[in-house]
Amino acid sequence: MGIFELFLLAVGLSMDAFAVSVCKGLSAGRVTLPHALTAGLWFGGFQGLMPFLGGRLGSRFQVLIASIDHWIAFLLLGLIGLNMIRESRSQEEESLGTSFSPRAMLPLAVATSIDALTVGITFAFLQVDILLAVSLTTFLLSAVGVKAGAVVGSRGKSWAELAGGLVLVLMGCKILLEHLGVLS
């Protein structure tokens, strides 16, 4: 996997955190630098931790499922991506509150990084290290997302989830097509 694909994957995984950051910025009203840094550290930290844990878990099963790893990557990335696309179409308004305390941020960080855990498992089979790329990209996008939420509003949330979902679905398709020999 090249640097461009790794960057696209990192952006795709970061879109959930970006969307939640937009909502946090929207609900906070006046956003300060500490708000942006807090969101970036929580979301970026967990987006780095979860693929690491997933990679450790996935490496234990690599030998057992090496012959179907491309199908697993395709299915998991496709399902995560389709779920993000579905959520982007939802008209429900999320209320995340205005607090940036650990009690408020921890559940959000865990919830937005569950897909990164799954992707970490997937990429253990493919021997791709996404840890640093995902955590740095998520940190930056989350910090920017808080400010964007205060400025742009809820329109940015739907766009972020849609774009992230499309990237993940396309990456899953690319992995499958490369393994099947359609792409080289």
Foldseek 3Di string as FASTA:
>chain_A
DDPVLLLLLLLLLLLLLLLVLLLLLQQQQDDDLVSLQLSLCLQLVLLLVQLVLLLVVLLVCLVVCLVCLLVLLLVLLLVQLVVLLVVLPDPDDDHQHNDSDCVSRNVSNNVSNNSSNSVSSSVSNVVDDSNVSNSVSNSVSSSVSSVCSSVPNNVSSSVSSNSSSVSSNVVSVVSNCVVVVVDD
